[in-house]
Amino acid sequence: MNHRTEVVMNQERMPSFVGLSEMAGEHAELAREYLRLLLAAKRREASDLVVQAVESGVSVKDVYLRVFQPVLYEVGDLWQRNLVSVAQEHYCTAATQFVMSLLYPYIFSGKQAGHRFVGCCVGGELHEIGMRMVTDFFEMEGWDTYYMGANMPDEDVIRTIIDQKAGLVGISVTMTFHLHLVGRLILRIRSRPECRDVKIMVGGYPFLANHQLWRGVGAHAFAADARQAIEVAGRLLDDGRKP
């Protein structure tokens, strides 16, 4: 079986895309225009559109969840149907990461939660933008964060957790054939005495398809998106403080 066939087979088992307008809600018009500009390779105009929306009162969190997320899902859906090329899909992702960087001045709130979060993608996993969004949400909530990005070796993840004294680790995976790497990383984290109190949260397409899958890889919890990740983190920390 070649890689392309394996990817398609795994995508067929993933949850179906519910549609840009439904996910974007009240920001559907903004999301559609952002998508149109990206597909026209107009990154500067797309950037200006989003920054102006934020300056007009749209929250960064809403931009992430109601614009970026549904647009990227839509692009992925278009790619699966051979309506956009791999190059276009990569362009849309890279452009969105660029726009996210422009929003950082609007993210940092100054409040301090007193918690530390480390976010990563397992080795071999190249889809990193979802975890970047999650990490930014924690930053907006006043957490100290350490975002490691894609394709991280297990030992580097563990060393970072220890060095950063993280209380919570987020692990992202997109393709189901990387799930065994998630389980392996979690097992290695839990085997280290220095990490015995660290909580582990997972996310990504496979966990959306099966909401109990997180138990099978040994995680403490699963979050469907960045907003839910904050809620789940609060519960995990509360449980950790109980005698």
C-alpha atoms as a PDB file:
ATOM      1  CA  MET A   1       0.000   0.000   0.000  1.00  0.00           C
ATOM      2  CA  ASN A   2       1.490   3.365  -0.964  1.00  0.00           C
ATOM      3  CA  HIS A   3       1.431   6.442   1.245  1.00  0.00           C
ATOM      4  CA  ARG A   4      -1.269   8.225  -0.785  1.00  0.00           C
ATOM      5  CA  THR A   5      -3.617   5.206  -0.557  1.00  0.00           C
ATOM      6  CA  GLU A   6      -2.988   4.907   3.172  1.00  0.00           C
ATOM      7  CA  VAL A   7      -3.721   8.583   3.709  1.00  0.00           C
ATOM      8  CA  VAL A   8      -7.005   8.381   1.816  1.00  0.00           C
ATOM      9  CA  MET A   9      -8.104   5.238   3.662  1.00  0.00           C
ATOM     10  CA  ASN A  10      -7.409   6.888   6.994  1.00  0.00           C
ATOM     11  CA  GLN A  11      -9.196  10.075   5.973  1.00  0.00           C
ATOM     12  CA  GLU A  12     -12.265   8.057   5.014  1.00  0.00           C
ATOM     13  CA  ARG A  13     -12.544   6.909   8.623  1.00  0.00           C
ATOM     14  CA  MET A  14     -12.342  10.464   9.926  1.00  0.00           C
ATOM     15  CA  PRO A  15     -15.368  12.602  10.814  1.00  0.00           C
ATOM     16  CA  SER A  16     -17.023  14.275   7.843  1.00  0.00           C
ATOM     17  CA  PHE A  17     -16.600  18.013   7.428  1.00  0.00           C
ATOM     18  CA  VAL A  18     -19.761  19.811   8.568  1.00  0.00           C
ATOM     19  CA  GLY A  19     -19.275  22.845   6.343  1.00  0.00           C
ATOM     20  CA  LEU A  20     -17.567  26.202   6.577  1.00  0.00           C
ATOM     21  CA  SER A  21     -20.702  28.260   7.208  1.00  0.00           C
ATOM     22  CA  GLU A  22     -21.905  26.023  10.023  1.00  0.00           C
ATOM     23  CA  MET A  23     -18.530  26.044  11.783  1.00  0.00           C
ATOM     24  CA  ALA A  24     -17.959  29.760  11.252  1.00  0.00           C
ATOM     25  CA  GLY A  25     -21.379  30.772  12.576  1.00  0.00           C
ATOM     26  CA  GLU A  26     -21.784  34.530  12.792  1.00  0.00           C
ATOM     27  CA  HIS A  27     -18.355  34.958  11.208  1.00  0.00           C
ATOM     28  CA  ALA A  28     -19.220  32.935   8.087  1.00  0.00           C
ATOM     29  CA  GLU A  29     -18.912  35.927   5.756  1.00  0.00           C
ATOM     30  CA  LEU A  30     -15.468  36.745   7.132  1.00  0.00           C
ATOM     31  CA  ALA A  31     -14.399  33.111   6.797  1.00  0.00           C
ATOM     32  CA  ARG A  32     -15.628  32.856   3.204  1.00  0.00           C
ATOM     33  CA  GLU A  33     -13.797  36.022   2.178  1.00  0.00           C
ATOM     34  CA  TYR A  34     -10.629  34.848   3.918  1.00  0.00           C
ATOM     35  CA  LEU A  35     -10.841  31.532   2.045  1.00  0.00           C
ATOM     36  CA  ARG A  36     -11.436  33.310  -1.266  1.00  0.00           C
ATOM     37  CA  LEU A  37      -8.339  35.448  -0.785  1.00  0.00           C
ATOM     38  CA  LEU A  38      -6.185  32.485   0.196  1.00  0.00           C
ATOM     39  CA  LEU A  39      -7.247  30.467  -2.832  1.00  0.00           C
ATOM     40  CA  ALA A  40      -6.425  33.511  -4.973  1.00  0.00           C
ATOM     41  CA  ALA A  41      -2.940  33.565  -3.384  1.00  0.00           C
ATOM     42  CA  LYS A  42      -3.573  37.010  -1.900  1.00  0.00           C
ATOM     43  CA  ARG A  43      -1.868  36.606   1.448  1.00  0.00           C
ATOM     44  CA  ARG A  44      -1.443  40.320   2.096  1.00  0.00           C
ATOM     45  CA  GLU A  45      -5.126  41.031   1.516  1.00  0.00           C
ATOM     46  CA  ALA A  46      -6.104  38.031   3.648  1.00  0.00           C
ATOM     47  CA  SER A  47      -3.846  39.282   6.433  1.00  0.00           C
ATOM     48  CA  ASP A  48      -5.305  42.775   6.270  1.00  0.00           C
ATOM     49  CA  LEU A  49      -8.828  41.350   6.346  1.00  0.00           C
ATOM     50  CA  VAL A  50      -8.214  39.433   9.567  1.00  0.00           C
ATOM     51  CA  VAL A  51      -6.253  42.160  11.341  1.00  0.00           C
ATOM     52  CA  GLN A  52      -8.952  44.709  10.513  1.00  0.00           C
ATOM     53  CA  ALA A  53     -11.606  42.339  11.849  1.00  0.00           C
ATOM     54  CA  VAL A  54      -9.732  42.002  15.141  1.00  0.00           C
ATOM     55  CA  GLU A  55      -9.241  45.750  15.386  1.00  0.00           C
ATOM     56  CA  SER A  56     -12.987  46.121  14.792  1.00  0.00           C
ATOM     57  CA  GLY A  57     -13.807  43.934  17.773  1.00  0.00           C
ATOM     58  CA  VAL A  58     -13.708  40.301  16.638  1.00  0.00           C
ATOM     59  CA  SER A  59     -11.819  38.367  19.311  1.00  0.00           C
ATOM     60  CA  VAL A  60      -8.651  36.496  18.420  1.00  0.00           C
ATOM     61  CA  LYS A  61     -10.236  33.350  19.842  1.00  0.00           C
ATOM     62  CA  ASP A  62     -13.171  33.717  17.462  1.00  0.00           C
ATOM     63  CA  VAL A  63     -10.797  34.262  14.553  1.00  0.00           C
ATOM     64  CA  TYR A  64      -8.986  31.045  15.431  1.00  0.00           C
ATOM     65  CA  LEU A  65     -12.104  28.915  15.927  1.00  0.00           C
ATOM     66  CA  ARG A  66     -14.572  30.567  13.540  1.00  0.00           C
ATOM     67  CA  VAL A  67     -12.295  31.619  10.694  1.00  0.00           C
ATOM     68  CA  PHE A  68      -8.967  29.784  10.618  1.00  0.00           C
ATOM     69  CA  GLN A  69     -10.220  26.381  11.732  1.00  0.00           C
ATOM     70  CA  PRO A  70     -13.227  26.088   9.382  1.00  0.00           C
ATOM     71  CA  VAL A  71     -11.282  27.553   6.469  1.00  0.00           C
ATOM     72  CA  LEU A  72      -8.461  25.042   6.877  1.00  0.00           C
ATOM     73  CA  TYR A  73     -10.970  22.216   7.212  1.00  0.00           C
ATOM     74  CA  GLU A  74     -12.606  23.451   4.008  1.00  0.00           C
ATOM     75  CA  VAL A  75      -9.252  23.538   2.226  1.00  0.00           C
ATOM     76  CA  GLY A  76      -8.547  19.995   3.386  1.00  0.00           C
ATOM     77  CA  ASP A  77     -11.937  18.911   2.107  1.00  0.00           C
ATOM     78  CA  LEU A  78     -11.273  20.571  -1.248  1.00  0.00           C
ATOM     79  CA  TRP A  79      -7.942  18.761  -1.465  1.00  0.00           C
ATOM     80  CA  GLN A  80      -9.547  15.390  -0.747  1.00  0.00           C
ATOM     81  CA  ARG A  81     -11.946  16.049  -3.635  1.00  0.00           C
ATOM     82  CA  ASN A  82      -9.037  17.051  -5.917  1.00  0.00           C
ATOM     83  CA  LEU A  83     -10.373  20.595  -6.225  1.00  0.00           C
ATOM     84  CA  VAL A  84      -7.167  22.197  -4.952  1.00  0.00           C
ATOM     85  CA  SER A  85      -3.572  21.040  -5.263  1.00  0.00           C
ATOM     86  CA  VAL A  86      -1.158  20.068  -2.522  1.00  0.00           C
ATOM     87  CA  ALA A  87       0.680  23.314  -3.244  1.00  0.00           C
ATOM     88  CA  GLN A  88      -2.481  25.338  -2.641  1.00  0.00           C
ATOM     89  CA  GLU A  89      -3.233  23.441   0.571  1.00  0.00           C
ATOM     90  CA  HIS A  90       0.277  24.109   1.834  1.00  0.00           C
ATOM     91  CA  TYR A  91       0.040  27.762   0.823  1.00  0.00           C
ATOM     92  CA  CYS A  92      -3.200  28.232   2.770  1.00  0.00           C
ATOM     93  CA  THR A  93      -1.683  26.641   5.861  1.00  0.00           C
ATOM     94  CA  ALA A  94       1.529  28.667   5.660  1.00  0.00           C
ATOM     95  CA  ALA A  95      -0.387  31.889   5.025  1.00  0.00           C
ATOM     96  CA  THR A  96      -2.605  31.232   8.041  1.00  0.00           C
ATOM     97  CA  GLN A  97       0.442  30.651  10.224  1.00  0.00           C
ATOM     98  CA  PHE A  98       1.771  33.986   9.015  1.00  0.00           C
ATOM     99  CA  VAL A  99      -1.496  35.735   9.878  1.00  0.00           C
ATOM    100  CA  MET A 100      -1.460  34.091  13.308  1.00  0.00           C
ATOM    101  CA  SER A 101       1.951  35.649  13.933  1.00  0.00           C
ATOM    102  CA  LEU A 102       0.498  39.070  13.092  1.00  0.00           C
ATOM    103  CA  LEU A 103      -2.130  38.590  15.796  1.00  0.00           C
ATOM    104  CA  TYR A 104       0.358  37.967  18.603  1.00  0.00           C
ATOM    105  CA  PRO A 105       0.295  41.610  19.783  1.00  0.00           C
ATOM    106  CA  TYR A 106      -3.433  41.087  20.448  1.00  0.00           C
ATOM    107  CA  ILE A 107      -2.920  37.785  22.302  1.00  0.00           C
ATOM    108  CA  PHE A 108      -0.790  38.536  25.325  1.00  0.00           C
ATOM    109  CA  SER A 109      -3.142  39.638  28.085  1.00  0.00           C
ATOM    110  CA  GLY A 110      -0.716  40.232  30.944  1.00  0.00           C
ATOM    111  CA  LYS A 111      -2.593  37.971  33.352  1.00  0.00           C
ATOM    112  CA  GLN A 112      -0.703  35.092  34.911  1.00  0.00           C
ATOM    113  CA  ALA A 113      -2.323  31.720  35.556  1.00  0.00           C
ATOM    114  CA  GLY A 114       0.737  30.223  37.226  1.00  0.00           C
ATOM    115  CA  HIS A 115       0.662  27.103  35.029  1.00  0.00           C
ATOM    116  CA  ARG A 116       2.965  25.808  32.320  1.00  0.00           C
ATOM    117  CA  PHE A 117       1.906  24.052  29.102  1.00  0.00           C
ATOM    118  CA  VAL A 118       4.077  22.223  26.581  1.00  0.00           C
ATOM    119  CA  GLY A 119       2.582  21.505  23.147  1.00  0.00           C
ATOM    120  CA  CYS A 120       3.987  19.169  20.510  1.00  0.00           C
ATOM    121  CA  CYS A 121       3.275  16.855  17.594  1.00  0.00           C
ATOM    122  CA  VAL A 122       4.642  13.313  17.610  1.00  0.00           C
ATOM    123  CA  GLY A 123       7.608  12.257  15.506  1.00  0.00           C
ATOM    124  CA  GLY A 124       6.637  11.951  11.854  1.00  0.00           C
ATOM    125  CA  GLU A 125       3.599  14.216  12.274  1.00  0.00           C
ATOM    126  CA  LEU A 126       3.901  17.314  10.088  1.00  0.00           C
ATOM    127  CA  HIS A 127       0.484  18.882  10.748  1.00  0.00           C
ATOM    128  CA  GLU A 128       1.277  21.410  13.453  1.00  0.00           C
ATOM    129  CA  ILE A 129      -1.094  24.340  13.082  1.00  0.00           C
ATOM    130  CA  GLY A 130      -3.779  22.826  15.335  1.00  0.00           C
ATOM    131  CA  MET A 131      -1.381  22.496  18.252  1.00  0.00           C
ATOM    132  CA  ARG A 132      -0.103  25.998  17.605  1.00  0.00           C
ATOM    133  CA  MET A 133      -3.673  27.281  17.977  1.00  0.00           C
ATOM    134  CA  VAL A 134      -4.100  25.340  21.216  1.00  0.00           C
ATOM    135  CA  THR A 135      -0.839  26.720  22.595  1.00  0.00           C
ATOM    136  CA  ASP A 136      -1.891  30.262  21.708  1.00  0.00           C
ATOM    137  CA  PHE A 137      -5.181  29.751  23.572  1.00  0.00           C
ATOM    138  CA  PHE A 138      -3.255  28.766  26.687  1.00  0.00           C
ATOM    139  CA  GLU A 139      -1.095  31.866  26.224  1.00  0.00           C
ATOM    140  CA  MET A 140      -4.253  33.991  26.072  1.00  0.00           C
ATOM    141  CA  GLU A 141      -5.359  32.422  29.354  1.00  0.00           C
ATOM    142  CA  GLY A 142      -2.155  33.514  31.062  1.00  0.00           C
ATOM    143  CA  TRP A 143      -0.288  30.219  30.959  1.00  0.00           C
ATOM    144  CA  ASP A 144       3.437  30.021  30.335  1.00  0.00           C
ATOM    145  CA  THR A 145       3.707  28.001  27.136  1.00  0.00           C
ATOM    146  CA  TYR A 146       6.375  26.153  25.195  1.00  0.00           C
ATOM    147  CA  TYR A 147       5.397  25.256  21.646  1.00  0.00           C
ATOM    148  CA  MET A 148       7.652  22.651  20.035  1.00  0.00           C
ATOM    149  CA  GLY A 149       5.946  22.247  16.679  1.00  0.00           C
ATOM    150  CA  ALA A 150       5.960  19.248  14.370  1.00  0.00           C
ATOM    151  CA  ASN A 151       7.861  15.972  14.193  1.00  0.00           C
ATOM    152  CA  MET A 152       9.379  15.994  17.680  1.00  0.00           C
ATOM    153  CA  PRO A 153      11.608  13.109  18.883  1.00  0.00           C
ATOM    154  CA  ASP A 154      10.332  11.513  22.095  1.00  0.00           C
ATOM    155  CA  GLU A 155      13.421  12.232  24.158  1.00  0.00           C
ATOM    156  CA  ASP A 156      13.395  15.911  23.203  1.00  0.00           C
ATOM    157  CA  VAL A 157       9.760  16.154  24.276  1.00  0.00           C
ATOM    158  CA  ILE A 158      10.487  14.500  27.617  1.00  0.00           C
ATOM    159  CA  ARG A 159      13.561  16.657  28.256  1.00  0.00           C
ATOM    160  CA  THR A 160      11.534  19.799  27.510  1.00  0.00           C
ATOM    161  CA  ILE A 161       8.734  18.710  29.862  1.00  0.00           C
ATOM    162  CA  ILE A 162      11.265  18.233  32.646  1.00  0.00           C
ATOM    163  CA  ASP A 163      13.277  21.385  31.929  1.00  0.00           C
ATOM    164  CA  GLN A 164      10.154  23.551  31.650  1.00  0.00           C
ATOM    165  CA  LYS A 165       8.535  21.966  34.730  1.00  0.00           C
ATOM    166  CA  ALA A 166       5.331  21.560  32.729  1.00  0.00           C
ATOM    167  CA  GLY A 167       2.129  20.640  34.513  1.00  0.00           C
ATOM    168  CA  LEU A 168       0.279  19.828  31.288  1.00  0.00           C
ATOM    169  CA  VAL A 169       1.413  18.413  27.960  1.00  0.00           C
ATOM    170  CA  GLY A 170      -0.614  18.554  24.749  1.00  0.00           C
ATOM    171  CA  ILE A 171       0.088  16.005  22.011  1.00  0.00           C
ATOM    172  CA  SER A 172      -1.420  16.396  18.552  1.00  0.00           C
ATOM    173  CA  VAL A 173      -1.797  13.825  15.773  1.00  0.00           C
ATOM    174  CA  THR A 174      -3.599  14.088  12.446  1.00  0.00           C
ATOM    175  CA  MET A 175      -3.050  10.758  10.706  1.00  0.00           C
ATOM    176  CA  THR A 176      -4.225   7.507  12.276  1.00  0.00           C
ATOM    177  CA  PHE A 177      -1.052   5.688  11.266  1.00  0.00           C
ATOM    178  CA  HIS A 178       0.810   7.884  13.780  1.00  0.00           C
ATOM    179  CA  LEU A 179      -1.373   6.827  16.721  1.00  0.00           C
ATOM    180  CA  HIS A 180       1.101   4.204  17.877  1.00  0.00           C
ATOM    181  CA  LEU A 181       3.681   6.988  18.223  1.00  0.00           C
ATOM    182  CA  VAL A 182       1.332   8.868  20.546  1.00  0.00           C
ATOM    183  CA  GLY A 183       0.952   5.791  22.737  1.00  0.00           C
ATOM    184  CA  ARG A 184       4.692   5.240  22.767  1.00  0.00           C
ATOM    185  CA  LEU A 185       5.438   8.846  23.726  1.00  0.00           C
ATOM    186  CA  ILE A 186       2.875   8.806  26.531  1.00  0.00           C
ATOM    187  CA  LEU A 187       4.273   5.540  27.878  1.00  0.00           C
ATOM    188  CA  ARG A 188       7.765   7.021  27.901  1.00  0.00           C
ATOM    189  CA  ILE A 189       6.585  10.195  29.615  1.00  0.00           C
ATOM    190  CA  ARG A 190       4.773   8.242  32.308  1.00  0.00           C
ATOM    191  CA  SER A 191       7.787   6.017  32.894  1.00  0.00           C
ATOM    192  CA  ARG A 192       9.902   8.977  34.027  1.00  0.00           C
ATOM    193  CA  PRO A 193       9.722   9.732  37.763  1.00  0.00           C
ATOM    194  CA  GLU A 194      10.181  13.443  37.035  1.00  0.00           C
ATOM    195  CA  CYS A 195       6.933  13.405  35.029  1.00  0.00           C
ATOM    196  CA  ARG A 196       4.729  11.524  37.490  1.00  0.00           C
ATOM    197  CA  ASP A 197       2.518  14.566  38.154  1.00  0.00           C
ATOM    198  CA  VAL A 198       2.339  15.739  34.538  1.00  0.00           C
ATOM    199  CA  LYS A 199      -1.102  15.578  32.931  1.00  0.00           C
ATOM    200  CA  ILE A 200      -1.323  14.541  29.274  1.00  0.00           C
ATOM    201  CA  MET A 201      -3.999  15.753  26.861  1.00  0.00           C
ATOM    202  CA  VAL A 202      -4.339  14.613  23.239  1.00  0.00           C
ATOM    203  CA  GLY A 203      -6.145  15.975  20.213  1.00  0.00           C
ATOM    204  CA  GLY A 204      -6.506  15.686  16.458  1.00  0.00           C
ATOM    205  CA  TYR A 205      -8.658  14.008  13.818  1.00  0.00           C
ATOM    206  CA  PRO A 206      -8.420  10.395  15.078  1.00  0.00           C
ATOM    207  CA  PHE A 207      -9.683  11.424  18.512  1.00  0.00           C
ATOM    208  CA  LEU A 208     -12.568  13.333  16.930  1.00  0.00           C
ATOM    209  CA  ALA A 209     -13.580  10.167  15.115  1.00  0.00           C
ATOM    210  CA  ASN A 210     -13.535   8.114  18.327  1.00  0.00           C
ATOM    211  CA  HIS A 211     -14.050  10.064  21.545  1.00  0.00           C
ATOM    212  CA  GLN A 212     -12.813   7.159  23.684  1.00  0.00           C
ATOM    213  CA  LEU A 213      -9.587   6.660  21.759  1.00  0.00           C
ATOM    214  CA  TRP A 214      -7.618   8.846  24.161  1.00  0.00           C
ATOM    215  CA  ARG A 215      -7.990   6.178  26.830  1.00  0.00           C
ATOM    216  CA  GLY A 216      -6.380   3.613  24.556  1.00  0.00           C
ATOM    217  CA  VAL A 217      -3.210   5.669  24.113  1.00  0.00           C
ATOM    218  CA  GLY A 218      -2.890   6.291  27.849  1.00  0.00           C
ATOM    219  CA  ALA A 219      -3.730   9.999  27.962  1.00  0.00           C
ATOM    220  CA  HIS A 220      -5.516  11.722  30.842  1.00  0.00           C
ATOM    221  CA  ALA A 221      -7.962  13.528  28.542  1.00  0.00           C
ATOM    222  CA  PHE A 222      -8.919  14.597  25.022  1.00  0.00           C
ATOM    223  CA  ALA A 223      -9.954  18.006  23.666  1.00  0.00           C
ATOM    224  CA  ALA A 224     -11.817  18.592  20.410  1.00  0.00           C
ATOM    225  CA  ASP A 225     -10.530  22.140  19.898  1.00  0.00           C
ATOM    226  CA  ALA A 226      -8.543  24.910  21.543  1.00  0.00           C
ATOM    227  CA  ARG A 227     -11.435  26.269  23.612  1.00  0.00           C
ATOM    228  CA  GLN A 228     -12.252  22.828  24.986  1.00  0.00           C
ATOM    229  CA  ALA A 229      -8.559  22.299  25.738  1.00  0.00           C
ATOM    230  CA  ILE A 230      -8.701  25.176  28.220  1.00  0.00           C
ATOM    231  CA  GLU A 231     -11.788  23.705  29.900  1.00  0.00           C
ATOM    232  CA  VAL A 232     -10.259  20.227  30.070  1.00  0.00           C
ATOM    233  CA  ALA A 233      -7.020  21.630  31.468  1.00  0.00           C
ATOM    234  CA  GLY A 234      -8.941  23.269  34.297  1.00  0.00           C
ATOM    235  CA  ARG A 235     -10.589  19.975  35.210  1.00  0.00           C
ATOM    236  CA  LEU A 236      -7.311  18.079  35.085  1.00  0.00           C
ATOM    237  CA  LEU A 237      -5.617  20.582  37.365  1.00  0.00           C
ATOM    238  CA  ASP A 238      -8.557  20.528  39.784  1.00  0.00           C
ATOM    239  CA  ASP A 239      -8.391  16.725  39.912  1.00  0.00           C
ATOM    240  CA  GLY A 240      -4.661  16.907  40.542  1.00  0.00           C
ATOM    241  CA  ARG A 241      -5.196  19.168  43.556  1.00  0.00           C
ATOM    242  CA  LYS A 242      -7.744  16.864  45.197  1.00  0.00           C
ATOM    243  CA  PRO A 243      -6.372  14.857  48.127  1.00  0.00           C
END
